[in-house]
């Protein structure tokens, strides 16, 4: 049974539907890392040290099913699989960069309060 893309499974405002697409713990991080360009699975794992192999696989499958990333498999031994942002995924760049800018600007004040 094919996965129903989250944007079709949810009704409500566009903010809610957008968040449903990128709601996994690691999805925004994956998308941000792919802004650099095409990466292989193990490259992503190294760039995101807190994610498990299983979770990374799951999040990548959902991002692919929702049309935000492209998975390219090359027929060689061992198989080479690369991930890149789709055009729709690339359109999230301003949002991802705004999140990074907000974090760079504000997170130090949160960390100071916690200390």
N, C-alpha and C. Protein backbone atom coordinates (compact mmCIF):
# COMPACT_ATOMS: atom_id res chain seq x y z
N UNK A 1 0.84 -1.17 0.00
CA UNK A 1 0.00 0.00 0.00
C UNK A 1 0.89 1.24 0.00
N UNK A 2 0.74 2.14 -0.98
CA UNK A 2 1.59 3.31 -1.04
C UNK A 2 1.28 4.29 0.09
N UNK A 3 2.30 4.99 0.49
CA UNK A 3 2.18 5.98 1.56
C UNK A 3 1.41 7.18 1.04
N UNK A 4 0.47 7.66 1.84
CA UNK A 4 -0.26 8.87 1.49
C UNK A 4 0.60 10.06 1.90
N UNK A 5 0.98 10.91 0.94
CA UNK A 5 1.78 12.07 1.32
C UNK A 5 1.08 12.88 2.39
N UNK A 6 1.86 13.37 3.33
CA UNK A 6 1.28 14.07 4.47
C UNK A 6 0.51 15.31 4.06
N UNK A 7 0.91 15.96 2.98
CA UNK A 7 0.18 17.15 2.59
C UNK A 7 -1.23 16.81 2.16
N UNK A 8 -1.49 15.57 1.71
CA UNK A 8 -2.83 15.17 1.33
C UNK A 8 -3.59 14.62 2.52
N UNK A 9 -2.88 14.11 3.52
CA UNK A 9 -3.53 13.49 4.67
C UNK A 9 -4.04 14.51 5.67
N UNK A 10 -3.59 15.74 5.57
CA UNK A 10 -3.94 16.76 6.55
C UNK A 10 -4.77 17.85 5.92
N UNK A 11 -5.73 18.33 6.68
CA UNK A 11 -6.45 19.52 6.27
C UNK A 11 -6.10 20.62 7.25
N UNK A 12 -6.41 21.82 6.92
CA UNK A 12 -6.11 22.93 7.80
C UNK A 12 -5.32 23.99 7.06
N UNK A 13 -4.72 24.87 7.80
CA UNK A 13 -4.00 25.98 7.18
C UNK A 13 -2.71 25.51 6.53
N UNK A 14 -2.17 26.36 5.67
CA UNK A 14 -0.96 25.98 4.94
C UNK A 14 0.23 25.81 5.86
N UNK A 15 0.29 26.55 6.98
CA UNK A 15 1.39 26.38 7.93
C UNK A 15 1.34 24.97 8.52
N UNK A 16 0.16 24.53 8.90
CA UNK A 16 0.00 23.18 9.47
C UNK A 16 0.38 22.12 8.45
N UNK A 17 -0.06 22.29 7.22
CA UNK A 17 0.26 21.30 6.18
C UNK A 17 1.75 21.29 5.88
N UNK A 18 2.38 22.46 5.89
CA UNK A 18 3.83 22.52 5.66
C UNK A 18 4.59 21.84 6.78
N UNK A 19 4.19 22.12 8.02
CA UNK A 19 4.85 21.47 9.16
C UNK A 19 4.66 19.96 9.13
N UNK A 20 3.53 19.49 8.64
CA UNK A 20 3.31 18.05 8.52
C UNK A 20 4.33 17.41 7.57
N UNK A 21 4.79 18.16 6.57
CA UNK A 21 5.78 17.62 5.63
C UNK A 21 7.17 17.50 6.25
N UNK A 22 7.50 18.40 7.16
CA UNK A 22 8.86 18.45 7.69
C UNK A 22 8.89 18.20 9.20
N UNK A 23 7.92 17.44 9.70
CA UNK A 23 7.73 17.29 11.14
C UNK A 23 8.64 16.29 11.83
N UNK A 24 9.38 15.48 11.12
CA UNK A 24 10.25 14.52 11.78
C UNK A 24 11.40 15.21 12.49
N UNK A 25 11.93 14.57 13.52
CA UNK A 25 13.01 15.17 14.31
C UNK A 25 14.20 15.56 13.44
N UNK A 26 14.47 14.80 12.40
CA UNK A 26 15.68 15.00 11.62
C UNK A 26 15.42 15.58 10.23
N UNK A 27 14.18 15.72 9.82
CA UNK A 27 13.90 16.13 8.44
C UNK A 27 14.47 17.50 8.10
N UNK A 28 14.30 18.47 8.98
CA UNK A 28 14.81 19.81 8.69
C UNK A 28 16.33 19.77 8.61
N UNK A 29 16.96 19.00 9.48
CA UNK A 29 18.42 18.89 9.46
C UNK A 29 18.88 18.23 8.15
N UNK A 30 18.20 17.19 7.73
CA UNK A 30 18.54 16.51 6.47
C UNK A 30 18.41 17.49 5.31
N UNK A 31 17.30 18.21 5.26
CA UNK A 31 17.09 19.17 4.18
C UNK A 31 18.17 20.25 4.20
N UNK A 32 18.52 20.72 5.38
CA UNK A 32 19.57 21.74 5.50
C UNK A 32 20.91 21.20 5.00
N UNK A 33 21.25 19.98 5.37
CA UNK A 33 22.53 19.40 4.92
C UNK A 33 22.54 19.21 3.41
N UNK A 34 21.39 18.89 2.82
CA UNK A 34 21.33 18.69 1.38
C UNK A 34 21.37 20.00 0.59
N UNK A 35 21.28 21.13 1.29
CA UNK A 35 21.47 22.41 0.60
C UNK A 35 22.88 22.50 0.01
N UNK A 36 23.84 21.78 0.62
CA UNK A 36 25.23 21.76 0.13
C UNK A 36 25.33 21.08 -1.23
N UNK A 37 24.39 20.20 -1.52
CA UNK A 37 24.42 19.44 -2.77
C UNK A 37 24.14 17.98 -2.50
N UNK A 38 24.38 17.17 -3.49
CA UNK A 38 24.11 15.74 -3.44
C UNK A 38 25.01 15.06 -2.41
N UNK A 39 24.39 14.19 -1.60
CA UNK A 39 25.15 13.45 -0.59
C UNK A 39 24.74 11.98 -0.61
N UNK A 40 25.70 11.13 -0.27
CA UNK A 40 25.40 9.72 -0.12
C UNK A 40 24.92 9.46 1.31
N UNK A 41 24.31 8.30 1.51
CA UNK A 41 23.72 7.96 2.80
C UNK A 41 24.73 8.10 3.94
N UNK A 42 25.90 7.49 3.78
CA UNK A 42 26.90 7.54 4.86
C UNK A 42 27.46 8.95 5.08
N UNK A 43 27.48 9.76 4.05
CA UNK A 43 27.88 11.15 4.24
C UNK A 43 26.87 11.87 5.12
N UNK A 44 25.58 11.62 4.87
CA UNK A 44 24.54 12.21 5.72
C UNK A 44 24.68 11.73 7.16
N UNK A 45 24.93 10.45 7.34
CA UNK A 45 25.10 9.91 8.70
C UNK A 45 26.25 10.59 9.43
N UNK A 46 27.34 10.82 8.73
CA UNK A 46 28.48 11.49 9.36
C UNK A 46 28.17 12.95 9.69
N UNK A 47 27.39 13.60 8.84
CA UNK A 47 27.04 15.00 9.07
C UNK A 47 25.99 15.19 10.16
N UNK A 48 25.25 14.11 10.46
CA UNK A 48 24.19 14.16 11.48
C UNK A 48 24.48 13.07 12.50
N UNK A 49 25.43 13.27 13.40
CA UNK A 49 25.90 12.19 14.27
C UNK A 49 24.84 11.64 15.23
N UNK A 50 23.81 12.38 15.56
CA UNK A 50 22.82 11.89 16.52
C UNK A 50 21.76 10.98 15.94
N UNK A 51 21.69 10.85 14.62
CA UNK A 51 20.63 10.06 13.99
C UNK A 51 21.07 8.61 13.83
N UNK A 52 20.14 7.68 14.07
CA UNK A 52 20.43 6.27 13.85
C UNK A 52 20.24 5.94 12.37
N UNK A 53 20.82 4.84 11.95
CA UNK A 53 20.68 4.41 10.56
C UNK A 53 19.22 4.18 10.23
N UNK A 54 18.51 3.54 11.12
CA UNK A 54 17.09 3.25 10.90
C UNK A 54 16.26 4.53 10.77
N UNK A 55 16.50 5.49 11.65
CA UNK A 55 15.75 6.73 11.62
C UNK A 55 16.08 7.54 10.38
N UNK A 56 17.36 7.59 10.00
CA UNK A 56 17.75 8.32 8.80
C UNK A 56 17.08 7.71 7.58
N UNK A 57 17.08 6.40 7.49
CA UNK A 57 16.42 5.71 6.38
C UNK A 57 14.94 6.07 6.34
N UNK A 58 14.28 6.02 7.49
CA UNK A 58 12.84 6.33 7.58
C UNK A 58 12.56 7.77 7.14
N UNK A 59 13.33 8.72 7.66
CA UNK A 59 13.12 10.12 7.34
C UNK A 59 13.39 10.39 5.85
N UNK A 60 14.43 9.77 5.30
CA UNK A 60 14.72 9.93 3.88
C UNK A 60 13.60 9.37 3.01
N UNK A 61 13.05 8.24 3.39
CA UNK A 61 11.93 7.65 2.63
C UNK A 61 10.72 8.57 2.63
N UNK A 62 10.41 9.15 3.79
CA UNK A 62 9.27 10.06 3.87
C UNK A 62 9.51 11.32 3.05
N UNK A 63 10.71 11.88 3.14
CA UNK A 63 11.03 13.07 2.35
C UNK A 63 10.94 12.78 0.85
N UNK A 64 11.38 11.60 0.45
CA UNK A 64 11.29 11.20 -0.95
C UNK A 64 9.83 11.03 -1.36
N UNK A 65 9.05 10.34 -0.53
CA UNK A 65 7.63 10.12 -0.84
C UNK A 65 6.86 11.43 -0.95
N UNK A 66 7.28 12.43 -0.18
CA UNK A 66 6.61 13.73 -0.20
C UNK A 66 7.17 14.66 -1.27
N UNK A 67 8.15 14.18 -2.05
CA UNK A 67 8.67 14.94 -3.16
C UNK A 67 9.64 16.04 -2.80
N UNK A 68 10.24 15.97 -1.61
CA UNK A 68 11.19 17.00 -1.20
C UNK A 68 12.63 16.65 -1.53
N UNK A 69 12.92 15.36 -1.67
CA UNK A 69 14.26 14.93 -2.07
C UNK A 69 14.15 13.92 -3.21
N UNK A 70 15.27 13.74 -3.89
CA UNK A 70 15.37 12.77 -4.98
C UNK A 70 16.40 11.74 -4.58
N UNK A 71 16.06 10.46 -4.74
CA UNK A 71 16.97 9.35 -4.46
C UNK A 71 17.41 8.78 -5.79
N UNK A 72 18.73 8.78 -6.02
CA UNK A 72 19.29 8.26 -7.26
C UNK A 72 20.11 7.02 -6.94
N UNK A 73 19.74 5.88 -7.54
CA UNK A 73 20.46 4.63 -7.34
C UNK A 73 21.26 4.33 -8.60
N UNK A 74 22.55 4.05 -8.42
CA UNK A 74 23.42 3.71 -9.53
C UNK A 74 23.67 2.21 -9.52
N UNK A 75 23.51 1.59 -10.68
CA UNK A 75 23.67 0.14 -10.81
C UNK A 75 25.15 -0.21 -10.87
N UNK A 76 25.71 -0.43 -9.71
CA UNK A 76 27.10 -0.86 -9.60
C UNK A 76 27.21 -1.69 -8.33
N UNK A 77 28.34 -2.35 -8.16
CA UNK A 77 28.55 -3.18 -6.98
C UNK A 77 29.68 -2.57 -6.18
N UNK A 78 29.45 -2.21 -4.91
CA UNK A 78 28.15 -2.16 -4.23
C UNK A 78 27.31 -1.01 -4.79
N UNK A 79 25.98 -1.10 -4.63
CA UNK A 79 25.12 -0.03 -5.17
C UNK A 79 25.47 1.31 -4.54
N UNK A 80 25.44 2.33 -5.35
CA UNK A 80 25.68 3.68 -4.87
C UNK A 80 24.34 4.42 -4.89
N UNK A 81 23.98 5.02 -3.76
CA UNK A 81 22.72 5.75 -3.64
C UNK A 81 23.05 7.17 -3.21
N UNK A 82 22.51 8.13 -3.95
CA UNK A 82 22.73 9.53 -3.64
C UNK A 82 21.40 10.23 -3.43
N UNK A 83 21.42 11.22 -2.56
CA UNK A 83 20.23 12.01 -2.25
C UNK A 83 20.51 13.47 -2.57
N UNK A 84 19.51 14.12 -3.12
CA UNK A 84 19.60 15.55 -3.41
C UNK A 84 18.22 16.16 -3.23
N UNK A 85 18.19 17.46 -3.14
CA UNK A 85 16.92 18.16 -3.02
C UNK A 85 16.22 18.19 -4.37
N UNK A 86 14.92 17.98 -4.35
CA UNK A 86 14.12 18.17 -5.56
C UNK A 86 13.90 19.67 -5.73
N UNK A 87 13.27 20.07 -6.80
CA UNK A 87 12.96 21.49 -6.99
C UNK A 87 12.08 22.00 -5.84
N UNK A 88 11.14 21.17 -5.42
CA UNK A 88 10.28 21.55 -4.29
C UNK A 88 11.11 21.67 -3.00
N UNK A 89 12.03 20.75 -2.80
CA UNK A 89 12.90 20.81 -1.63
C UNK A 89 13.79 22.04 -1.66
N UNK A 90 14.31 22.38 -2.84
CA UNK A 90 15.15 23.57 -2.98
C UNK A 90 14.37 24.84 -2.67
N UNK A 91 13.06 24.80 -2.91
CA UNK A 91 12.25 25.99 -2.63
C UNK A 91 12.15 26.26 -1.13
N UNK A 92 12.55 25.30 -0.30
CA UNK A 92 12.57 25.50 1.16
C UNK A 92 13.83 26.21 1.64
N UNK A 93 14.77 26.48 0.75
CA UNK A 93 16.03 27.10 1.18
C UNK A 93 15.83 28.39 1.98
N UNK A 94 14.99 29.32 1.54
CA UNK A 94 14.82 30.54 2.36
C UNK A 94 14.28 30.25 3.76
N UNK A 95 13.41 29.26 3.87
CA UNK A 95 12.86 28.88 5.17
C UNK A 95 13.95 28.28 6.05
N UNK A 96 14.74 27.38 5.50
CA UNK A 96 15.82 26.73 6.24
C UNK A 96 16.87 27.75 6.67
N UNK A 97 17.20 28.68 5.78
CA UNK A 97 18.20 29.69 6.12
C UNK A 97 17.65 30.66 7.17
N UNK A 98 16.34 30.94 7.12
CA UNK A 98 15.73 31.78 8.15
C UNK A 98 15.79 31.09 9.51
N UNK A 99 15.55 29.78 9.54
CA UNK A 99 15.66 29.02 10.80
C UNK A 99 17.09 29.07 11.33
N UNK A 100 18.06 28.91 10.43
CA UNK A 100 19.46 28.97 10.86
C UNK A 100 19.80 30.35 11.40
N UNK A 101 19.38 31.38 10.69
CA UNK A 101 19.65 32.75 11.14
C UNK A 101 19.01 33.00 12.50
N UNK A 102 17.76 32.58 12.67
CA UNK A 102 17.08 32.77 13.95
C UNK A 102 17.84 32.04 15.06
N UNK A 103 18.27 30.82 14.80
CA UNK A 103 19.03 30.06 15.79
C UNK A 103 20.35 30.72 16.13
N UNK A 104 21.07 31.18 15.10
CA UNK A 104 22.35 31.86 15.34
C UNK A 104 22.15 33.12 16.20
N UNK A 105 21.05 33.79 15.98
CA UNK A 105 20.77 35.04 16.68
C UNK A 105 20.24 34.84 18.10
N UNK A 106 19.42 33.81 18.31
CA UNK A 106 18.67 33.69 19.56
C UNK A 106 19.05 32.56 20.49
N UNK A 107 19.65 31.51 20.01
CA UNK A 107 19.87 30.34 20.87
C UNK A 107 20.83 30.59 22.02
N UNK A 108 21.77 31.50 21.85
CA UNK A 108 22.69 31.77 22.95
C UNK A 108 21.95 32.32 24.17
N UNK A 109 20.90 33.10 23.95
CA UNK A 109 20.14 33.63 25.09
C UNK A 109 19.38 32.52 25.80
N UNK A 110 18.90 31.50 25.08
CA UNK A 110 18.24 30.36 25.71
C UNK A 110 19.24 29.55 26.52
N UNK A 111 20.43 29.36 25.96
CA UNK A 111 21.46 28.60 26.65
C UNK A 111 21.93 29.32 27.89
N UNK A 112 21.97 30.64 27.85
CA UNK A 112 22.39 31.42 29.03
C UNK A 112 21.37 31.28 30.17
N UNK A 113 20.08 31.26 29.81
CA UNK A 113 19.02 31.11 30.82
C UNK A 113 19.07 29.73 31.46
N UNK A 114 19.45 28.71 30.69
CA UNK A 114 19.49 27.34 31.20
C UNK A 114 20.67 27.13 32.15
N UNK A 115 21.71 27.92 31.98
CA UNK A 115 22.92 27.74 32.79
C UNK A 115 22.79 28.31 34.18
